[in-house]
Protein backbone atom coordinates (compact mmCIF):
# COMPACT_ATOMS: atom_id res chain seq x y z
CA GLY A 1 69.14 -114.41 -8.54
CA ALA A 2 69.93 -115.56 -12.05
CA GLU A 3 66.80 -113.85 -13.41
CA VAL A 4 68.04 -110.40 -12.39
CA GLU A 5 71.40 -110.95 -14.10
CA ARG A 6 69.66 -110.86 -17.51
CA THR A 7 67.07 -108.17 -16.70
CA VAL A 8 66.68 -104.70 -18.21
CA LEU A 9 64.64 -102.11 -16.31
CA LEU A 10 64.04 -98.74 -17.97
CA GLY A 11 61.90 -95.66 -17.71
CA ASP A 12 61.29 -92.36 -15.97
CA PHE A 13 62.46 -92.97 -12.40
CA ASN A 14 61.86 -89.36 -11.28
CA CYS A 15 65.18 -89.37 -9.43
CA THR A 16 68.77 -88.63 -10.35
CA PRO A 17 71.65 -91.13 -10.16
CA TRP A 18 72.80 -89.26 -7.03
CA SER A 19 69.55 -89.90 -5.15
CA PRO A 20 69.76 -92.20 -2.11
CA LEU A 21 66.62 -93.94 -3.42
CA PHE A 22 68.33 -94.68 -6.74
CA ARG A 23 71.41 -96.03 -4.94
CA ASP A 24 69.16 -98.20 -2.75
CA LEU A 25 67.45 -99.62 -5.86
CA LEU A 26 70.80 -100.56 -7.37
CA ALA A 27 72.01 -102.10 -4.12
CA THR A 28 68.80 -104.07 -3.54
CA THR A 29 68.51 -105.46 -7.08
CA GLY A 30 72.19 -105.83 -7.94
CA MET A 31 71.54 -104.02 -11.23
CA ARG A 32 73.85 -101.41 -12.80
CA ASP A 33 73.17 -98.00 -14.29
CA SER A 34 73.89 -98.28 -18.03
CA ALA A 35 75.08 -94.65 -18.07
CA ARG A 36 77.99 -95.40 -15.74
CA GLY A 37 81.17 -94.53 -17.61
CA PHE A 38 79.23 -92.92 -20.46
CA ASP A 39 76.92 -89.93 -20.74
CA LEU A 40 75.40 -88.20 -17.69
CA SER A 41 73.57 -85.57 -19.74
CA PRO A 42 70.11 -84.44 -18.63
CA THR A 43 67.12 -86.45 -19.87
CA TRP A 44 64.42 -84.07 -18.68
CA ALA A 45 64.29 -80.35 -19.37
CA SER A 46 61.96 -78.28 -17.24
CA ARG A 47 60.74 -74.93 -18.47
CA TRP A 48 60.85 -73.74 -14.83
CA LEU A 49 64.45 -74.72 -14.13
CA PRO A 50 67.52 -73.23 -15.82
CA PHE A 51 68.95 -76.74 -16.31
CA GLY A 52 67.78 -80.30 -16.85
CA LEU A 53 67.95 -83.40 -14.72
CA LYS A 54 68.94 -86.99 -15.48
CA ILE A 55 65.84 -88.85 -14.31
CA ASP A 56 65.32 -91.40 -17.12
CA HIS A 57 67.44 -94.51 -16.79
CA ILE A 58 68.25 -97.93 -18.21
CA LEU A 59 69.35 -100.43 -15.56
CA VAL A 60 70.92 -103.75 -16.49
CA GLY A 61 71.74 -107.01 -14.76
CA ARG A 62 75.31 -108.25 -14.34
CA ALA A 63 75.15 -110.62 -17.34
CA ILE A 64 74.48 -107.72 -19.73
CA ALA A 65 77.34 -105.68 -21.22
CA VAL A 66 76.75 -102.02 -22.06
CA THR A 67 78.75 -101.12 -25.18
CA ASP A 68 77.39 -97.60 -25.66
CA HIS A 69 75.06 -95.13 -23.94
CA SER A 70 73.81 -91.74 -25.10
CA ILE A 71 70.98 -89.24 -24.85
CA GLY A 72 69.07 -88.70 -28.08
CA ASP A 73 67.80 -85.49 -29.65
CA GLU A 74 64.49 -83.83 -28.85
CA VAL A 75 61.46 -85.85 -29.98
CA GLY A 76 58.63 -83.49 -28.95
CA SER A 77 58.56 -84.42 -25.26
CA ASP A 78 60.02 -82.76 -22.18
CA HIS A 79 62.08 -85.98 -21.86
CA PHE A 80 64.95 -86.91 -24.16
CA PRO A 81 65.37 -90.50 -25.36
CA VAL A 82 67.91 -92.66 -23.56
CA VAL A 83 69.75 -95.02 -25.92
CA ALA A 84 71.93 -97.93 -24.85
CA ASP A 85 73.61 -100.66 -26.88
CA LEU A 86 73.46 -103.88 -24.87
CA GLN A 87 75.02 -107.32 -25.36
CA PHE A 88 73.27 -110.32 -23.82
């Protein structure tokens, strides 16, 4: 509906953009991944894995334009900040 078109949903989703569950969420809600066309860098760095995973996301409704998206520097967490510039 119209409410979803102006909605922002963000957080630690514990799944990558390539997960079938993530794709189902996008399909069900009609929201978009703000990282699409921008940065797909890891947002979580595990000390047990040799690489990180992108599991923190900002999803936006269709009425919201994403003008920039990036992953911030370390802030003392095992997660990196996700930063998006949005136009409503």
